[in-house]
Amino acid sequence: MKRMSVQVHPRGEYVYSRGSRFAAHGVASRAGFGIERGRFGGYLPWKQGFAEIERHLASLDRPLAALCGIELRMPKPLAFEEFRVLNDRYLEQLDGWSLLIDGESPFCRTNVAPTASALEETCVAAFSYAVPCAEDRPVTFVLSGAAELPLDAPFPDGVVRRGETGADAMVEKAATVADLIGQHLASLNLTWDASADVHLYAAHDVVFATMRDVLGSRGVTPNMGLVWHDAAPPTHEIALEMDVRTYLAERLIGPRG
């Protein structure tokens, strides 16, 4: 069952909107703090990626609790039971860092499978974390990847246009996701304005329609356009994901790969 209650992280200097056990719907910075993104030059294998996250936060004198977002890349979409196993492994990683709250992850996650990938294991692509900043800086936020599953709908039966990937079905899915994002932002007392970066993850042709028809009809025209990733969502049951973020800064960490 999905929830929309907002909690203040006790150590991380951000608030979060509760979602599933492995990811919050989204996070937003508290006053005096902002969210940065660390992006690796290439996809780092699981163990190395998490070690680099720990190293980077230590280099900034930030605690592990400042971590508020993870971006994973998978070799291929998984059957639901396989996805459950991956989520268990992920939660074990976070639990080893004492980051779970009541057995759940308090921060966001986007997890997709690049279409042209040669990955052999799940890798870490980027991460988000809270850092101190001026009190008067605007709130920064990151949302988890949202798929075409309404908040109160069961998975997988409630997936919008389940099993369909035709043009009209994909547009309806994108519209569902856009409305979900609006709800997730509202749960954090935020609105969707042009300053936010919008990322779309789909292995089907829906980019133009999402930008012009779906977002346009909702009055959303991102300043930086729509960033499309030729990537599939993590399970076979869903066909599209979208996330939205704003940052204080983005850092390239390590060599390009």
C-alpha atoms as a PDB file:
ATOM      1  CA  MET A   1       0.000   0.000   0.000  1.00  0.00           C
ATOM      2  CA  LYS A   2       1.407   3.359  -0.988  1.00  0.00           C
ATOM      3  CA  ARG A   3       1.485   6.256   1.476  1.00  0.00           C
ATOM      4  CA  MET A   4       1.827  10.005   1.176  1.00  0.00           C
ATOM      5  CA  SER A   5       2.907  11.010   4.708  1.00  0.00           C
ATOM      6  CA  VAL A   6       5.805  13.448   4.993  1.00  0.00           C
ATOM      7  CA  GLN A   7       8.491  12.759   7.579  1.00  0.00           C
ATOM      8  CA  VAL A   8      11.454  14.802   8.771  1.00  0.00           C
ATOM      9  CA  HIS A   9      14.632  12.760   8.518  1.00  0.00           C
ATOM     10  CA  PRO A  10      16.170  12.755  12.009  1.00  0.00           C
ATOM     11  CA  ARG A  11      19.773  13.091  10.754  1.00  0.00           C
ATOM     12  CA  GLY A  12      19.786  13.808   7.036  1.00  0.00           C
ATOM     13  CA  GLU A  13      18.574  17.453   6.900  1.00  0.00           C
ATOM     14  CA  TYR A  14      15.753  16.675   4.494  1.00  0.00           C
ATOM     15  CA  VAL A  15      12.104  15.674   4.556  1.00  0.00           C
ATOM     16  CA  TYR A  16      10.694  12.728   2.656  1.00  0.00           C
ATOM     17  CA  SER A  17       7.347  11.526   1.384  1.00  0.00           C
ATOM     18  CA  ARG A  18       6.947   7.860   2.311  1.00  0.00           C
ATOM     19  CA  GLY A  19       6.513   5.441  -0.560  1.00  0.00           C
ATOM     20  CA  SER A  20       7.473   1.777  -0.807  1.00  0.00           C
ATOM     21  CA  ARG A  21       9.840  -0.026   1.533  1.00  0.00           C
ATOM     22  CA  PHE A  22      12.767   0.489  -0.862  1.00  0.00           C
ATOM     23  CA  ALA A  23      12.176   4.112  -1.898  1.00  0.00           C
ATOM     24  CA  ALA A  24      10.422   7.250  -0.752  1.00  0.00           C
ATOM     25  CA  HIS A  25       8.314   9.068  -3.321  1.00  0.00           C
ATOM     26  CA  GLY A  26      10.607  12.072  -2.987  1.00  0.00           C
ATOM     27  CA  VAL A  27      12.820  14.198  -0.763  1.00  0.00           C
ATOM     28  CA  ALA A  28      13.187  17.946  -0.227  1.00  0.00           C
ATOM     29  CA  SER A  29      15.883  19.928   1.536  1.00  0.00           C
ATOM     30  CA  ARG A  30      15.344  21.652   4.875  1.00  0.00           C
ATOM     31  CA  ALA A  31      16.220  25.310   5.525  1.00  0.00           C
ATOM     32  CA  GLY A  32      19.971  25.878   5.496  1.00  0.00           C
ATOM     33  CA  PHE A  33      20.604  22.804   3.354  1.00  0.00           C
ATOM     34  CA  GLY A  34      20.404  21.924  -0.311  1.00  0.00           C
ATOM     35  CA  ILE A  35      20.720  18.806  -2.435  1.00  0.00           C
ATOM     36  CA  GLU A  36      23.690  18.099  -4.702  1.00  0.00           C
ATOM     37  CA  ARG A  37      24.097  15.326  -7.254  1.00  0.00           C
ATOM     38  CA  GLY A  38      27.246  13.288  -7.657  1.00  0.00           C
ATOM     39  CA  ARG A  39      27.498  11.619 -11.076  1.00  0.00           C
ATOM     40  CA  PHE A  40      30.112   9.016 -11.884  1.00  0.00           C
ATOM     41  CA  GLY A  41      31.993   9.215 -15.176  1.00  0.00           C
ATOM     42  CA  GLY A  42      30.740   5.718 -15.978  1.00  0.00           C
ATOM     43  CA  TYR A  43      28.531   3.114 -14.366  1.00  0.00           C
ATOM     44  CA  LEU A  44      30.283   1.634 -11.329  1.00  0.00           C
ATOM     45  CA  PRO A  45      29.649  -1.966 -10.240  1.00  0.00           C
ATOM     46  CA  TRP A  46      27.523  -2.209  -7.109  1.00  0.00           C
ATOM     47  CA  LYS A  47      30.271  -2.683  -4.509  1.00  0.00           C
ATOM     48  CA  GLN A  48      32.568  -0.063  -6.028  1.00  0.00           C
ATOM     49  CA  GLY A  49      29.735   2.422  -6.511  1.00  0.00           C
ATOM     50  CA  PHE A  50      28.604   2.327  -2.922  1.00  0.00           C
ATOM     51  CA  ALA A  51      32.203   2.537  -1.723  1.00  0.00           C
ATOM     52  CA  GLU A  52      32.671   5.686  -3.824  1.00  0.00           C
ATOM     53  CA  ILE A  53      29.517   7.207  -2.368  1.00  0.00           C
ATOM     54  CA  GLU A  54      30.892   6.628   1.117  1.00  0.00           C
ATOM     55  CA  ARG A  55      34.272   8.090   0.127  1.00  0.00           C
ATOM     56  CA  HIS A  56      32.741  11.173  -1.492  1.00  0.00           C
ATOM     57  CA  LEU A  57      30.519  11.987   1.467  1.00  0.00           C
ATOM     58  CA  ALA A  58      33.467  11.585   3.828  1.00  0.00           C
ATOM     59  CA  SER A  59      35.520  13.959   1.641  1.00  0.00           C
ATOM     60  CA  LEU A  60      32.810  16.605   2.157  1.00  0.00           C
ATOM     61  CA  ASP A  61      32.620  15.853   5.880  1.00  0.00           C
ATOM     62  CA  ARG A  62      29.018  14.771   5.405  1.00  0.00           C
ATOM     63  CA  PRO A  63      27.502  11.779   7.215  1.00  0.00           C
ATOM     64  CA  LEU A  64      26.072   8.791   5.381  1.00  0.00           C
ATOM     65  CA  ALA A  65      22.675   9.997   6.592  1.00  0.00           C
ATOM     66  CA  ALA A  66      23.030  12.935   4.166  1.00  0.00           C
ATOM     67  CA  LEU A  67      22.485  10.475   1.293  1.00  0.00           C
ATOM     68  CA  CYS A  68      19.000  11.072  -0.106  1.00  0.00           C
ATOM     69  CA  GLY A  69      18.943   9.532  -3.583  1.00  0.00           C
ATOM     70  CA  ILE A  70      20.411   6.667  -5.619  1.00  0.00           C
ATOM     71  CA  GLU A  71      20.379   6.079  -9.380  1.00  0.00           C
ATOM     72  CA  LEU A  72      20.936   2.456 -10.402  1.00  0.00           C
ATOM     73  CA  ARG A  73      21.412   0.866 -13.816  1.00  0.00           C
ATOM     74  CA  MET A  74      20.583  -2.778 -14.520  1.00  0.00           C
ATOM     75  CA  PRO A  75      21.634  -5.183 -17.294  1.00  0.00           C
ATOM     76  CA  LYS A  76      17.982  -5.910 -18.169  1.00  0.00           C
ATOM     77  CA  PRO A  77      14.453  -5.647 -16.773  1.00  0.00           C
ATOM     78  CA  LEU A  78      13.614  -8.336 -14.246  1.00  0.00           C
ATOM     79  CA  ALA A  79      10.664 -10.562 -13.491  1.00  0.00           C
ATOM     80  CA  PHE A  80       8.904  -9.308 -10.380  1.00  0.00           C
ATOM     81  CA  GLU A  81      10.339 -11.989  -8.064  1.00  0.00           C
ATOM     82  CA  GLU A  82      13.857 -11.221  -9.310  1.00  0.00           C
ATOM     83  CA  PHE A  83      13.180  -7.536  -8.715  1.00  0.00           C
ATOM     84  CA  ARG A  84      12.138  -8.356  -5.162  1.00  0.00           C
ATOM     85  CA  VAL A  85      15.485 -10.090  -4.624  1.00  0.00           C
ATOM     86  CA  LEU A  86      17.327  -7.011  -5.911  1.00  0.00           C
ATOM     87  CA  ASN A  87      15.332  -4.797  -3.571  1.00  0.00           C
ATOM     88  CA  ASP A  88      16.235  -7.034  -0.630  1.00  0.00           C
ATOM     89  CA  ARG A  89      19.914  -6.733  -1.542  1.00  0.00           C
ATOM     90  CA  TYR A  90      19.530  -2.962  -1.788  1.00  0.00           C
ATOM     91  CA  LEU A  91      17.892  -2.715   1.620  1.00  0.00           C
ATOM     92  CA  GLU A  92      20.656  -4.849   3.111  1.00  0.00           C
ATOM     93  CA  GLN A  93      23.195  -2.355   1.724  1.00  0.00           C
ATOM     94  CA  LEU A  94      21.357   0.556   3.315  1.00  0.00           C
ATOM     95  CA  ASP A  95      20.839  -1.320   6.563  1.00  0.00           C
ATOM     96  CA  GLY A  96      24.591  -1.935   6.737  1.00  0.00           C
ATOM     97  CA  TRP A  97      24.973   1.842   6.767  1.00  0.00           C
ATOM     98  CA  SER A  98      22.193   2.228   9.380  1.00  0.00           C
ATOM     99  CA  LEU A  99      20.131   4.252   6.912  1.00  0.00           C
ATOM    100  CA  LEU A 100      16.787   2.455   7.144  1.00  0.00           C
ATOM    101  CA  ILE A 101      13.980   3.953   9.190  1.00  0.00           C
ATOM    102  CA  ASP A 102      11.428   1.432  10.450  1.00  0.00           C
ATOM    103  CA  GLY A 103      12.829  -1.038   7.924  1.00  0.00           C
ATOM    104  CA  GLU A 104      12.309   1.284   4.957  1.00  0.00           C
ATOM    105  CA  SER A 105      14.505   3.502   2.825  1.00  0.00           C
ATOM    106  CA  PRO A 106      13.778   7.186   3.558  1.00  0.00           C
ATOM    107  CA  PHE A 107      15.209   8.425   0.267  1.00  0.00           C
ATOM    108  CA  CYS A 108      14.463   8.208  -3.423  1.00  0.00           C
ATOM    109  CA  ARG A 109      15.667   5.874  -6.146  1.00  0.00           C
ATOM    110  CA  THR A 110      15.535   5.576  -9.916  1.00  0.00           C
ATOM    111  CA  ASN A 111      16.426   2.135 -11.248  1.00  0.00           C
ATOM    112  CA  VAL A 112      16.332   1.385 -14.997  1.00  0.00           C
ATOM    113  CA  ALA A 113      17.917  -0.844 -17.635  1.00  0.00           C
ATOM    114  CA  PRO A 114      19.639   0.958 -20.557  1.00  0.00           C
ATOM    115  CA  THR A 115      18.522  -0.535 -23.875  1.00  0.00           C
ATOM    116  CA  ALA A 116      22.018  -0.632 -25.407  1.00  0.00           C
ATOM    117  CA  SER A 117      23.693  -1.805 -22.206  1.00  0.00           C
ATOM    118  CA  ALA A 118      26.535  -4.303 -21.894  1.00  0.00           C
ATOM    119  CA  LEU A 119      26.274  -4.314 -18.095  1.00  0.00           C
ATOM    120  CA  GLU A 120      26.920  -7.596 -16.324  1.00  0.00           C
ATOM    121  CA  GLU A 121      25.528  -6.534 -12.954  1.00  0.00           C
ATOM    122  CA  THR A 122      23.506  -3.767 -11.364  1.00  0.00           C
ATOM    123  CA  CYS A 123      25.607  -0.604 -11.174  1.00  0.00           C
ATOM    124  CA  VAL A 124      25.489   2.809  -9.539  1.00  0.00           C
ATOM    125  CA  ALA A 125      25.235   5.780 -11.916  1.00  0.00           C
ATOM    126  CA  ALA A 126      24.716   8.736  -9.565  1.00  0.00           C
ATOM    127  CA  PHE A 127      23.502   9.755  -6.133  1.00  0.00           C
ATOM    128  CA  SER A 128      22.062  12.747  -4.269  1.00  0.00           C
ATOM    129  CA  TYR A 129      22.942  14.126  -0.859  1.00  0.00           C
ATOM    130  CA  ALA A 130      22.226  17.097   1.404  1.00  0.00           C
ATOM    131  CA  VAL A 131      24.882  19.755   2.095  1.00  0.00           C
ATOM    132  CA  PRO A 132      24.826  23.029   4.065  1.00  0.00           C
ATOM    133  CA  CYS A 133      23.961  26.203   2.155  1.00  0.00           C
ATOM    134  CA  ALA A 134      22.659  29.708   2.741  1.00  0.00           C
ATOM    135  CA  GLU A 135      19.368  29.892   4.615  1.00  0.00           C
ATOM    136  CA  ASP A 136      17.718  31.857   1.810  1.00  0.00           C
ATOM    137  CA  ARG A 137      18.427  29.363  -0.981  1.00  0.00           C
ATOM    138  CA  PRO A 138      15.314  27.843  -2.604  1.00  0.00           C
ATOM    139  CA  VAL A 139      14.258  24.342  -1.624  1.00  0.00           C
ATOM    140  CA  THR A 140      15.873  21.627  -3.729  1.00  0.00           C
ATOM    141  CA  PHE A 141      14.242  18.244  -4.254  1.00  0.00           C
ATOM    142  CA  VAL A 142      14.523  14.861  -5.940  1.00  0.00           C
ATOM    143  CA  LEU A 143      11.724  12.448  -6.795  1.00  0.00           C
ATOM    144  CA  SER A 144      11.984   8.711  -7.298  1.00  0.00           C
ATOM    145  CA  GLY A 145      11.278   7.311 -10.718  1.00  0.00           C
ATOM    146  CA  ALA A 146       7.480   7.062 -11.015  1.00  0.00           C
ATOM    147  CA  ALA A 147       5.785   4.501 -13.250  1.00  0.00           C
ATOM    148  CA  GLU A 148       2.280   4.151 -14.668  1.00  0.00           C
ATOM    149  CA  LEU A 149       0.711   2.808 -11.475  1.00  0.00           C
ATOM    150  CA  PRO A 150      -1.787   5.084  -9.675  1.00  0.00           C
ATOM    151  CA  LEU A 151      -1.266   5.494  -5.927  1.00  0.00           C
ATOM    152  CA  ASP A 152      -4.094   3.231  -4.774  1.00  0.00           C
ATOM    153  CA  ALA A 153      -3.754   0.629  -7.532  1.00  0.00           C
ATOM    154  CA  PRO A 154      -2.445  -2.906  -6.894  1.00  0.00           C
ATOM    155  CA  PHE A 155       0.667  -4.123  -8.687  1.00  0.00           C
ATOM    156  CA  PRO A 156       0.674  -5.467 -11.353  1.00  0.00           C
ATOM    157  CA  ASP A 157      -3.042  -5.531 -12.135  1.00  0.00           C
ATOM    158  CA  GLY A 158      -3.389  -1.779 -11.615  1.00  0.00           C
ATOM    159  CA  VAL A 159      -0.712  -0.824 -14.162  1.00  0.00           C
ATOM    160  CA  VAL A 160      -2.309   1.557 -16.677  1.00  0.00           C
ATOM    161  CA  ARG A 161      -2.744  -0.114 -20.082  1.00  0.00           C
ATOM    162  CA  ARG A 162      -0.794  -3.102 -18.790  1.00  0.00           C
ATOM    163  CA  GLY A 163       1.055  -4.989 -21.523  1.00  0.00           C
ATOM    164  CA  GLU A 164       0.359  -2.318 -24.162  1.00  0.00           C
ATOM    165  CA  THR A 165       3.046  -0.232 -25.853  1.00  0.00           C
ATOM    166  CA  GLY A 166       1.156   1.355 -28.748  1.00  0.00           C
ATOM    167  CA  ALA A 167       1.301   5.129 -29.210  1.00  0.00           C
ATOM    168  CA  ASP A 168      -2.006   5.918 -27.481  1.00  0.00           C
ATOM    169  CA  ALA A 169      -1.235   3.560 -24.605  1.00  0.00           C
ATOM    170  CA  MET A 170       2.184   5.119 -24.036  1.00  0.00           C
ATOM    171  CA  VAL A 171       0.681   8.622 -23.972  1.00  0.00           C
ATOM    172  CA  GLU A 172      -1.899   7.499 -21.417  1.00  0.00           C
ATOM    173  CA  LYS A 173       0.872   5.955 -19.334  1.00  0.00           C
ATOM    174  CA  ALA A 174       2.921   9.166 -19.532  1.00  0.00           C
ATOM    175  CA  ALA A 175      -0.114  11.200 -18.458  1.00  0.00           C
ATOM    176  CA  THR A 176      -0.594   8.909 -15.452  1.00  0.00           C
ATOM    177  CA  VAL A 177       3.054   9.377 -14.477  1.00  0.00           C
ATOM    178  CA  ALA A 178       2.874  13.158 -14.865  1.00  0.00           C
ATOM    179  CA  ASP A 179      -0.156  13.281 -12.562  1.00  0.00           C
ATOM    180  CA  LEU A 180       1.639  11.074 -10.034  1.00  0.00           C
ATOM    181  CA  ILE A 181       4.609  13.426 -10.050  1.00  0.00           C
ATOM    182  CA  GLY A 182       2.277  16.320  -9.365  1.00  0.00           C
ATOM    183  CA  GLN A 183       0.879  14.438  -6.366  1.00  0.00           C
ATOM    184  CA  HIS A 184       4.343  13.567  -5.056  1.00  0.00           C
ATOM    185  CA  LEU A 185       5.450  17.198  -5.322  1.00  0.00           C
ATOM    186  CA  ALA A 186       2.273  18.375  -3.598  1.00  0.00           C
ATOM    187  CA  SER A 187       2.951  15.936  -0.748  1.00  0.00           C
ATOM    188  CA  LEU A 188       6.224  17.817  -0.198  1.00  0.00           C
ATOM    189  CA  ASN A 189       4.423  21.202  -0.450  1.00  0.00           C
ATOM    190  CA  LEU A 190       6.104  21.857  -3.791  1.00  0.00           C
ATOM    191  CA  THR A 191       4.858  22.728  -7.274  1.00  0.00           C
ATOM    192  CA  TRP A 192       6.177  21.631 -10.650  1.00  0.00           C
ATOM    193  CA  ASP A 193       7.739  24.684 -12.300  1.00  0.00           C
ATOM    194  CA  ALA A 194      10.048  25.218 -15.273  1.00  0.00           C
ATOM    195  CA  SER A 195      13.248  25.158 -13.198  1.00  0.00           C
ATOM    196  CA  ALA A 196      13.052  21.419 -12.507  1.00  0.00           C
ATOM    197  CA  ASP A 197      14.965  18.895 -14.595  1.00  0.00           C
ATOM    198  CA  VAL A 198      12.672  16.232 -16.057  1.00  0.00           C
ATOM    199  CA  HIS A 199      14.031  12.797 -16.989  1.00  0.00           C
ATOM    200  CA  LEU A 200      12.039  10.263 -19.005  1.00  0.00           C
ATOM    201  CA  TYR A 201      12.995   6.578 -19.134  1.00  0.00           C
ATOM    202  CA  ALA A 202      11.363   4.548 -21.901  1.00  0.00           C
ATOM    203  CA  ALA A 203      12.380   2.130 -24.630  1.00  0.00           C
ATOM    204  CA  HIS A 204       9.410   3.201 -26.766  1.00  0.00           C
ATOM    205  CA  ASP A 205       8.676   6.282 -28.879  1.00  0.00           C
ATOM    206  CA  VAL A 206       6.832   8.604 -26.507  1.00  0.00           C
ATOM    207  CA  VAL A 207       9.239  11.508 -26.021  1.00  0.00           C
ATOM    208  CA  PHE A 208       7.673  14.109 -28.318  1.00  0.00           C
ATOM    209  CA  ALA A 209       4.144  13.378 -27.116  1.00  0.00           C
ATOM    210  CA  THR A 210       5.234  13.560 -23.485  1.00  0.00           C
ATOM    211  CA  MET A 211       6.879  16.951 -23.956  1.00  0.00           C
ATOM    212  CA  ARG A 212       4.280  18.598 -26.176  1.00  0.00           C
ATOM    213  CA  ASP A 213       1.009  16.958 -25.183  1.00  0.00           C
ATOM    214  CA  VAL A 214       1.370  15.532 -21.686  1.00  0.00           C
ATOM    215  CA  LEU A 215       3.564  18.146 -19.996  1.00  0.00           C
ATOM    216  CA  GLY A 216       2.365  20.999 -22.186  1.00  0.00           C
ATOM    217  CA  SER A 217      -1.282  20.377 -21.314  1.00  0.00           C
ATOM    218  CA  ARG A 218      -0.328  20.561 -17.639  1.00  0.00           C
ATOM    219  CA  GLY A 219       1.467  23.874 -18.040  1.00  0.00           C
ATOM    220  CA  VAL A 220       4.916  22.343 -17.535  1.00  0.00           C
ATOM    221  CA  THR A 221       7.650  23.543 -19.905  1.00  0.00           C
ATOM    222  CA  PRO A 222      11.034  22.558 -18.451  1.00  0.00           C
ATOM    223  CA  ASN A 223      13.745  25.177 -19.003  1.00  0.00           C
ATOM    224  CA  MET A 224      16.231  22.461 -19.961  1.00  0.00           C
ATOM    225  CA  GLY A 225      13.780  20.447 -22.017  1.00  0.00           C
ATOM    226  CA  LEU A 226      12.988  16.790 -21.463  1.00  0.00           C
ATOM    227  CA  VAL A 227      15.976  14.471 -20.944  1.00  0.00           C
ATOM    228  CA  TRP A 228      15.211  11.092 -22.556  1.00  0.00           C
ATOM    229  CA  HIS A 229      17.020   7.918 -21.519  1.00  0.00           C
ATOM    230  CA  ASP A 230      16.677   4.967 -23.899  1.00  0.00           C
ATOM    231  CA  ALA A 231      16.101   2.624 -20.979  1.00  0.00           C
ATOM    232  CA  ALA A 232      13.439   0.256 -19.717  1.00  0.00           C
ATOM    233  CA  PRO A 233      11.925   0.320 -16.219  1.00  0.00           C
ATOM    234  CA  PRO A 234      13.159  -2.361 -13.808  1.00  0.00           C
ATOM    235  CA  THR A 235      10.347  -4.909 -14.278  1.00  0.00           C
ATOM    236  CA  HIS A 236       8.567  -6.281 -17.334  1.00  0.00           C
ATOM    237  CA  GLU A 237       5.191  -5.061 -16.101  1.00  0.00           C
ATOM    238  CA  ILE A 238       5.823  -1.343 -16.627  1.00  0.00           C
ATOM    239  CA  ALA A 239       6.894   0.551 -19.737  1.00  0.00           C
ATOM    240  CA  LEU A 240       7.779   4.081 -18.647  1.00  0.00           C
ATOM    241  CA  GLU A 241       9.262   6.018 -15.738  1.00  0.00           C
ATOM    242  CA  MET A 242       9.862   9.684 -15.088  1.00  0.00           C
ATOM    243  CA  ASP A 243      11.635  11.595 -12.347  1.00  0.00           C
ATOM    244  CA  VAL A 244      12.028  15.284 -11.548  1.00  0.00           C
ATOM    245  CA  ARG A 245      14.850  17.034  -9.673  1.00  0.00           C
ATOM    246  CA  THR A 246      16.396  20.369  -8.724  1.00  0.00           C
ATOM    247  CA  TYR A 247      19.951  20.688  -7.400  1.00  0.00           C
ATOM    248  CA  LEU A 248      22.319  23.182  -5.836  1.00  0.00           C
ATOM    249  CA  ALA A 249      25.094  21.704  -7.973  1.00  0.00           C
ATOM    250  CA  GLU A 250      26.133  18.579  -9.873  1.00  0.00           C
ATOM    251  CA  ARG A 251      29.595  17.059  -9.560  1.00  0.00           C
ATOM    252  CA  LEU A 252      31.347  14.682 -11.956  1.00  0.00           C
ATOM    253  CA  ILE A 253      33.161  12.152  -9.798  1.00  0.00           C
ATOM    254  CA  GLY A 254      36.072  10.174 -11.212  1.00  0.00           C
ATOM    255  CA  PRO A 255      37.132   9.651 -14.834  1.00  0.00           C
ATOM    256  CA  ARG A 256      34.685   9.322 -17.660  1.00  0.00           C
ATOM    257  CA  GLY A 257      34.120   5.692 -18.573  1.00  0.00           C
END
